[in-house]
Amino acid sequence: MRNFISVDDVQDLETLVKSALALKKNPYNYKHLGKDKTLGLIFLNPSLRTRLSTQKAAINLGMNVIVMNMDKEGWALETQDGVVMNHNTVEHIREAAAVMGQYCDIIGVRSFPKLVDKEEDYSEDFFNKFIKYANVPIISLESATLHPLQSFADIITIEETKTKPRPKVVLTWAPHIKALPQAVANSFAEWMNKADVEFVITHPKGYELAQKFSGKAPIVYNQDEALKNADYIYVKNWSSYEDYGKVVSMDSNWMLTNEKLKLTNNAKVMHCLPVRRGIELADEILDGENSLVIHEAANRVWSAQAILKEILEKNF
């Protein structure tokens, strides 16, 4: 593995999950791998779990860590080629990424979509240019279309807690007060389609994900129907892909409650966090025994550490 941008960068998913679980038991076994190596974490958008978990994972491996919040501390970046920079951008990504590559052995980058131009966001132009010009391994800390470290932590959580060989996993849309990216939903769908699970997606009409990510997963527009016999429910809001970036429904009836859990096989409930209580998920779910959200968030350390270990072993 050179870069980690999606599940397609993983050669053997089962082996990688086992590696993460082994690291969870013995976090400091590989401190020699990161000795005298520096991880740069570059954030163009806010972060809590991604920043702290990836930083902790790197420290567990003996790495030095540099964190930069570009939205507050850096220059405004230009990403388009051949433009005259006589507006608000100060530095071109060609120079910025190249310089960061001089200071860091591995770079993690977070950059959200603008949710205005589908073609621009889904081209992943920003990440592709970062990979090209930094000339060091790049880890996605969430891109315009995907959040692979989160999805890897999700699959680790399911593997740890499942009570049957092939559980039923339901990805359900949830209401929200504003338009959110499709990245977490895209990524979760992409990883579940590679996992040994029965995977179903449910959402109101108009929230269909890009086919390349939803794959052959059944799409059920009736949430109650989709939840029947579910072992895991992954709750997440996302805006429309077809009517790009738009909120086409705010139906509060899609919020998961204990009453809806009665339709399931006593399903465990997951969410990437942050979550808006009383909108996306009822308090009774988040505070109840079926919630895995804290367990899931804790596994972000081991997903990041397994990826960093893999990159360090293969590239240095």
Protein backbone atom coordinates (compact mmCIF):
# COMPACT_ATOMS: atom_id res chain seq x y z
CA MET A 1 0.00 0.00 0.00
CA ARG A 2 1.38 3.37 -1.07
CA ASN A 3 -1.68 5.62 -0.55
CA PHE A 4 -4.92 5.04 1.37
CA ILE A 5 -7.82 6.77 -0.35
CA SER A 6 -10.43 4.00 -0.60
CA VAL A 7 -11.04 0.30 0.02
CA ASP A 8 -9.52 -0.31 -3.41
CA ASP A 9 -6.12 0.41 -1.87
CA VAL A 10 -6.54 -2.62 0.42
CA GLN A 11 -5.17 -5.87 -1.01
CA ASP A 12 -6.59 -8.22 1.64
CA LEU A 13 -9.40 -6.83 3.79
CA GLU A 14 -9.61 -9.81 6.15
CA THR A 15 -5.87 -9.64 6.89
CA LEU A 16 -6.03 -5.89 7.47
CA VAL A 17 -8.89 -6.29 9.97
CA LYS A 18 -6.88 -8.94 11.82
CA SER A 19 -3.90 -6.57 11.88
CA ALA A 20 -6.03 -3.82 13.45
CA LEU A 21 -7.41 -6.16 16.11
CA ALA A 22 -3.89 -7.38 16.93
CA LEU A 23 -2.74 -3.77 17.32
CA LYS A 24 -5.67 -3.13 19.65
CA LYS A 25 -4.33 -5.86 21.95
CA ASN A 26 -0.70 -4.73 21.68
CA PRO A 27 -0.58 -1.06 20.61
CA TYR A 28 3.15 -0.54 21.09
CA ASN A 29 4.61 -3.63 19.41
CA TYR A 30 5.72 -1.72 16.33
CA LYS A 31 7.15 1.52 17.73
CA HIS A 32 10.36 0.86 15.81
CA LEU A 33 8.52 1.32 12.49
CA GLY A 34 7.86 5.02 13.07
CA LYS A 35 11.17 5.95 14.64
CA ASP A 36 12.49 9.18 13.05
CA LYS A 37 9.44 9.34 10.73
CA THR A 38 7.05 12.30 10.61
CA LEU A 39 3.32 12.23 9.91
CA GLY A 40 1.77 15.48 8.71
CA LEU A 41 -1.97 15.93 9.35
CA ILE A 42 -3.41 18.64 7.12
CA PHE A 43 -6.97 19.77 7.84
CA LEU A 44 -8.95 22.07 5.58
CA ASN A 45 -12.07 21.29 7.64
CA PRO A 46 -12.96 20.60 11.30
CA SER A 47 -12.13 17.31 12.99
CA LEU A 48 -12.34 15.65 16.39
CA ARG A 49 -12.12 11.85 16.08
CA THR A 50 -10.04 11.81 12.90
CA ARG A 51 -7.42 14.18 14.25
CA LEU A 52 -7.09 12.68 17.73
CA SER A 53 -7.28 9.03 16.68
CA THR A 54 -4.78 9.36 13.83
CA GLN A 55 -2.39 11.34 16.00
CA LYS A 56 -2.62 8.72 18.76
CA ALA A 57 -2.13 5.92 16.22
CA ALA A 58 1.04 7.57 14.90
CA ILE A 59 2.42 8.09 18.42
CA ASN A 60 1.74 4.41 19.19
CA LEU A 61 3.99 3.59 16.23
CA GLY A 62 6.76 5.92 17.40
CA MET A 63 6.14 8.67 14.83
CA ASN A 64 6.47 12.41 15.20
CA VAL A 65 3.27 14.27 14.28
CA ILE A 66 2.77 17.74 12.80
CA VAL A 67 -0.80 19.08 12.66
CA MET A 68 -1.81 22.05 10.53
CA ASN A 69 -5.31 23.51 10.25
CA MET A 70 -5.05 25.06 6.81
CA ASP A 71 -8.43 26.77 7.09
CA LYS A 72 -7.15 28.84 10.02
CA GLU A 73 -3.36 28.79 9.82
CA GLY A 74 -2.43 28.32 6.17
CA TRP A 75 -2.62 30.27 2.96
CA ALA A 76 -5.67 29.96 0.71
CA LEU A 77 -4.77 27.29 -1.84
CA GLU A 78 -5.23 27.48 -5.60
CA THR A 79 -5.90 24.09 -7.19
CA GLN A 80 -6.59 25.02 -10.82
CA ASP A 81 -3.71 24.92 -13.28
CA GLY A 82 -2.90 27.72 -15.70
CA VAL A 83 -4.73 30.45 -13.80
CA VAL A 84 -3.49 33.94 -12.99
CA MET A 85 -3.65 34.09 -9.20
CA ASN A 86 -4.98 37.62 -8.88
CA HIS A 87 -7.93 36.81 -6.59
CA ASN A 88 -8.10 35.39 -3.05
CA THR A 89 -5.76 32.37 -3.41
CA VAL A 90 -2.20 32.92 -2.21
CA GLU A 91 -0.36 29.66 -2.79
CA HIS A 92 -0.71 26.98 -5.45
CA ILE A 93 -1.20 23.35 -4.45
CA ARG A 94 1.84 22.46 -6.60
CA GLU A 95 4.20 24.30 -4.25
CA ALA A 96 2.23 23.72 -1.01
CA ALA A 97 2.00 19.93 -1.41
CA ALA A 98 5.59 19.68 -2.63
CA VAL A 99 6.89 21.60 0.40
CA MET A 100 4.83 19.49 2.81
CA GLY A 101 6.36 16.41 1.20
CA GLN A 102 9.80 17.76 2.08
CA TYR A 103 8.87 18.02 5.76
CA CYS A 104 6.77 14.85 6.20
CA ASP A 105 7.26 11.17 5.39
CA ILE A 106 3.51 10.49 5.25
CA ILE A 107 0.71 13.06 4.92
CA GLY A 108 -2.93 12.77 5.94
CA VAL A 109 -5.33 15.23 4.31
CA ARG A 110 -8.94 16.21 5.04
CA SER A 111 -10.88 18.26 2.52
CA PHE A 112 -14.69 18.33 2.33
CA PRO A 113 -16.70 18.87 -0.87
CA LYS A 114 -18.26 22.21 -1.72
CA LEU A 115 -21.53 20.46 -2.69
CA VAL A 116 -21.97 22.85 -5.62
CA ASP A 117 -20.36 21.14 -8.60
CA LYS A 118 -20.78 17.34 -8.66
CA GLU A 119 -18.20 16.84 -11.40
CA GLU A 120 -15.60 18.86 -9.51
CA ASP A 121 -16.21 17.11 -6.18
CA TYR A 122 -16.37 13.60 -7.60
CA SER A 123 -13.21 14.06 -9.68
CA GLU A 124 -11.25 14.17 -6.37
CA ASP A 125 -8.98 16.66 -8.11
CA PHE A 126 -7.64 18.03 -4.82
CA PHE A 127 -6.51 14.63 -3.54
CA ASN A 128 -5.12 13.55 -6.88
CA LYS A 129 -2.99 16.68 -7.08
CA PHE A 130 -1.82 16.26 -3.50
CA ILE A 131 -0.69 12.73 -4.31
CA LYS A 132 1.07 13.95 -7.46
CA TYR A 133 2.96 16.89 -5.99
CA ALA A 134 3.69 15.79 -2.41
CA ASN A 135 5.53 12.70 -3.66
CA VAL A 136 5.03 10.88 -0.33
CA PRO A 137 2.29 8.46 0.78
CA ILE A 138 -1.08 10.15 1.27
CA ILE A 139 -3.85 9.04 3.66
CA SER A 140 -7.39 10.31 3.27
CA LEU A 141 -8.73 11.81 6.48
CA GLU A 142 -11.99 12.30 4.50
CA SER A 143 -12.30 13.52 0.96
CA ALA A 144 -15.13 14.93 -1.13
CA THR A 145 -16.51 11.45 -1.77
CA LEU A 146 -15.08 9.00 0.80
CA HIS A 147 -14.07 8.55 4.45
CA PRO A 148 -12.07 5.29 4.41
CA LEU A 149 -10.58 5.43 7.93
CA GLN A 150 -14.11 5.70 9.33
CA SER A 151 -15.37 2.80 7.22
CA PHE A 152 -12.43 0.65 8.22
CA ALA A 153 -13.21 1.33 11.89
CA ASP A 154 -16.83 0.42 11.19
CA ILE A 155 -15.92 -2.95 9.73
CA ILE A 156 -13.55 -3.63 12.67
CA THR A 157 -16.46 -2.89 15.04
CA ILE A 158 -18.79 -5.26 13.22
CA GLU A 159 -16.16 -8.00 13.16
CA GLU A 160 -15.62 -7.64 16.92
CA THR A 161 -19.27 -7.67 17.92
CA LYS A 162 -21.10 -9.89 15.42
CA THR A 163 -22.89 -12.96 16.75
CA LYS A 164 -23.39 -14.74 13.42
CA PRO A 165 -21.05 -15.37 10.47
CA ARG A 166 -22.97 -13.18 8.00
CA PRO A 167 -24.98 -10.44 9.75
CA LYS A 168 -27.55 -8.21 8.09
CA VAL A 169 -26.29 -4.62 7.95
CA VAL A 170 -28.61 -1.74 7.04
CA LEU A 171 -27.40 1.71 6.05
CA THR A 172 -30.24 4.13 6.74
CA TRP A 173 -30.56 7.78 5.83
CA ALA A 174 -31.46 10.08 8.71
CA PRO A 175 -32.85 13.62 8.76
CA HIS A 176 -30.62 16.64 9.34
CA ILE A 177 -30.98 20.42 9.41
CA LYS A 178 -28.59 21.02 6.51
CA ALA A 179 -27.08 19.39 3.45
CA LEU A 180 -24.20 17.01 4.25
CA PRO A 181 -21.74 15.24 1.91
CA GLN A 182 -22.27 11.69 0.71
CA ALA A 183 -18.72 10.70 1.75
CA VAL A 184 -19.47 8.57 4.83
CA ALA A 185 -22.42 6.82 3.18
CA ASN A 186 -20.45 6.22 -0.03
CA SER A 187 -17.53 4.83 1.90
CA PHE A 188 -19.59 2.62 4.19
CA ALA A 189 -21.42 1.17 1.20
CA GLU A 190 -18.15 0.56 -0.63
CA TRP A 191 -16.62 -1.31 2.32
CA MET A 192 -19.77 -3.31 3.13
CA ASN A 193 -19.94 -4.47 -0.48
CA LYS A 194 -16.47 -5.98 0.04
CA ALA A 195 -17.37 -7.56 3.39
CA ASP A 196 -19.11 -10.86 4.11
CA VAL A 197 -22.43 -9.33 5.19
CA GLU A 198 -25.99 -9.03 3.92
CA PHE A 199 -26.05 -5.33 3.04
CA VAL A 200 -29.15 -3.18 2.45
CA ILE A 201 -29.52 0.58 1.90
CA THR A 202 -32.68 2.46 2.85
CA HIS A 203 -33.56 6.11 2.25
CA PRO A 204 -36.34 8.31 0.87
CA LYS A 205 -36.53 8.58 -2.91
CA GLY A 206 -34.09 11.16 -4.21
CA TYR A 207 -31.19 10.15 -1.98
CA GLU A 208 -29.74 7.39 -4.17
CA LEU A 209 -25.95 7.20 -3.92
CA ALA A 210 -23.65 7.01 -6.90
CA GLN A 211 -23.86 3.52 -8.41
CA LYS A 212 -20.09 3.05 -8.20
CA PHE A 213 -20.38 3.11 -4.39
CA SER A 214 -23.79 1.53 -3.71
CA GLY A 215 -22.95 -1.33 -6.06
CA LYS A 216 -25.49 -4.15 -6.14
CA ALA A 217 -26.86 -3.49 -2.66
CA PRO A 218 -30.68 -3.56 -2.58
CA ILE A 219 -32.27 -0.11 -2.19
CA VAL A 220 -35.41 -0.13 -0.03
CA TYR A 221 -37.50 3.04 0.21
CA ASN A 222 -39.54 1.77 3.16
CA GLN A 223 -37.35 2.03 6.28
CA ASP A 224 -39.50 -0.33 8.36
CA GLU A 225 -39.23 -2.99 5.68
CA ALA A 226 -35.45 -2.58 5.44
CA LEU A 227 -34.97 -2.82 9.20
CA LYS A 228 -36.65 -6.22 9.54
CA ASN A 229 -34.22 -8.75 11.04
CA ALA A 230 -31.30 -6.29 10.89
CA ASP A 231 -28.29 -7.09 13.09
CA TYR A 232 -26.63 -3.69 12.57
CA ILE A 233 -28.06 -0.32 11.64
CA TYR A 234 -25.70 2.36 10.36
CA VAL A 235 -27.36 5.75 10.67
CA LYS A 236 -26.18 8.69 8.54
CA ASN A 237 -27.56 11.74 6.79
CA TRP A 238 -26.45 12.68 3.29
CA SER A 239 -27.64 15.14 0.67
CA SER A 240 -28.87 14.21 -2.78
CA TYR A 241 -26.37 12.95 -5.34
CA GLU A 242 -28.70 13.27 -8.33
CA ASP A 243 -30.01 16.73 -7.38
CA TYR A 244 -26.52 17.45 -6.19
CA GLY A 245 -26.06 18.80 -2.69
CA LYS A 246 -29.76 19.43 -2.17
CA VAL A 247 -32.03 18.41 0.71
CA VAL A 248 -34.98 16.70 -1.00
CA SER A 249 -36.63 15.41 2.19
CA MET A 250 -36.45 16.25 5.89
CA ASP A 251 -38.91 13.58 7.01
CA SER A 252 -38.50 13.33 10.80
CA ASN A 253 -40.12 9.88 10.73
CA TRP A 254 -36.77 8.49 9.51
CA MET A 255 -35.13 9.18 12.89
CA LEU A 256 -34.27 5.86 14.52
CA THR A 257 -36.07 5.14 17.81
CA ASN A 258 -36.45 2.22 20.21
CA GLU A 259 -39.85 1.50 18.68
CA LYS A 260 -38.20 0.93 15.30
CA LEU A 261 -35.58 -1.31 16.91
CA LYS A 262 -38.37 -3.76 17.69
CA LEU A 263 -38.43 -4.60 13.97
CA THR A 264 -34.82 -5.77 14.09
CA ASN A 265 -32.85 -8.65 15.50
CA ASN A 266 -32.02 -6.50 18.54
CA ALA A 267 -29.75 -4.57 16.17
CA LYS A 268 -26.65 -2.71 17.24
CA VAL A 269 -26.71 0.94 16.16
CA MET A 270 -23.75 2.75 14.61
CA HIS A 271 -23.04 6.36 13.63
CA CYS A 272 -19.77 8.00 12.66
CA LEU A 273 -20.34 11.04 14.93
CA PRO A 274 -20.84 13.93 15.45
CA VAL A 275 -24.57 13.31 15.74
CA ARG A 276 -27.44 15.74 16.29
CA ARG A 277 -29.50 14.25 19.11
CA GLY A 278 -33.22 14.32 18.57
CA ILE A 279 -32.81 14.83 14.83
CA GLU A 280 -30.62 12.04 13.45
CA LEU A 281 -30.92 9.70 16.43
CA ALA A 282 -33.16 9.62 19.48
CA ASP A 283 -31.52 10.04 22.89
CA GLU A 284 -32.94 6.68 23.91
CA ILE A 285 -30.90 5.01 21.17
CA LEU A 286 -27.65 6.86 21.82
CA ASP A 287 -27.87 6.29 25.56
CA GLY A 288 -29.17 2.75 25.28
CA GLU A 289 -27.47 -0.64 25.34
CA ASN A 290 -27.74 -1.10 21.57
CA SER A 291 -25.53 1.89 20.75
CA LEU A 292 -22.04 1.16 19.46
CA VAL A 293 -21.09 4.76 18.68
CA ILE A 294 -18.39 5.11 21.37
CA HIS A 295 -16.97 1.63 20.69
CA GLU A 296 -16.91 2.52 17.00
CA ALA A 297 -15.18 5.85 17.64
CA ALA A 298 -12.55 4.14 19.81
CA ASN A 299 -11.75 1.80 16.92
CA ARG A 300 -10.72 4.80 14.84
CA VAL A 301 -7.31 4.52 16.53
CA TRP A 302 -6.81 0.95 15.36
CA SER A 303 -8.02 1.60 11.82
CA ALA A 304 -5.53 4.46 11.49
CA GLN A 305 -2.73 2.50 13.16
CA ALA A 306 -3.19 -0.53 10.90
CA ILE A 307 -3.02 1.71 7.81
CA LEU A 308 0.05 3.59 9.04
CA LYS A 309 1.76 0.30 9.92
CA GLU A 310 1.05 -1.06 6.44
CA ILE A 311 2.42 2.06 4.73
CA LEU A 312 5.51 2.18 6.93
CA GLU A 313 6.28 -1.49 6.29
CA LYS A 314 5.80 -1.25 2.53
CA ASN A 315 7.46 2.08 1.79
CA PHE A 316 10.35 2.63 4.23
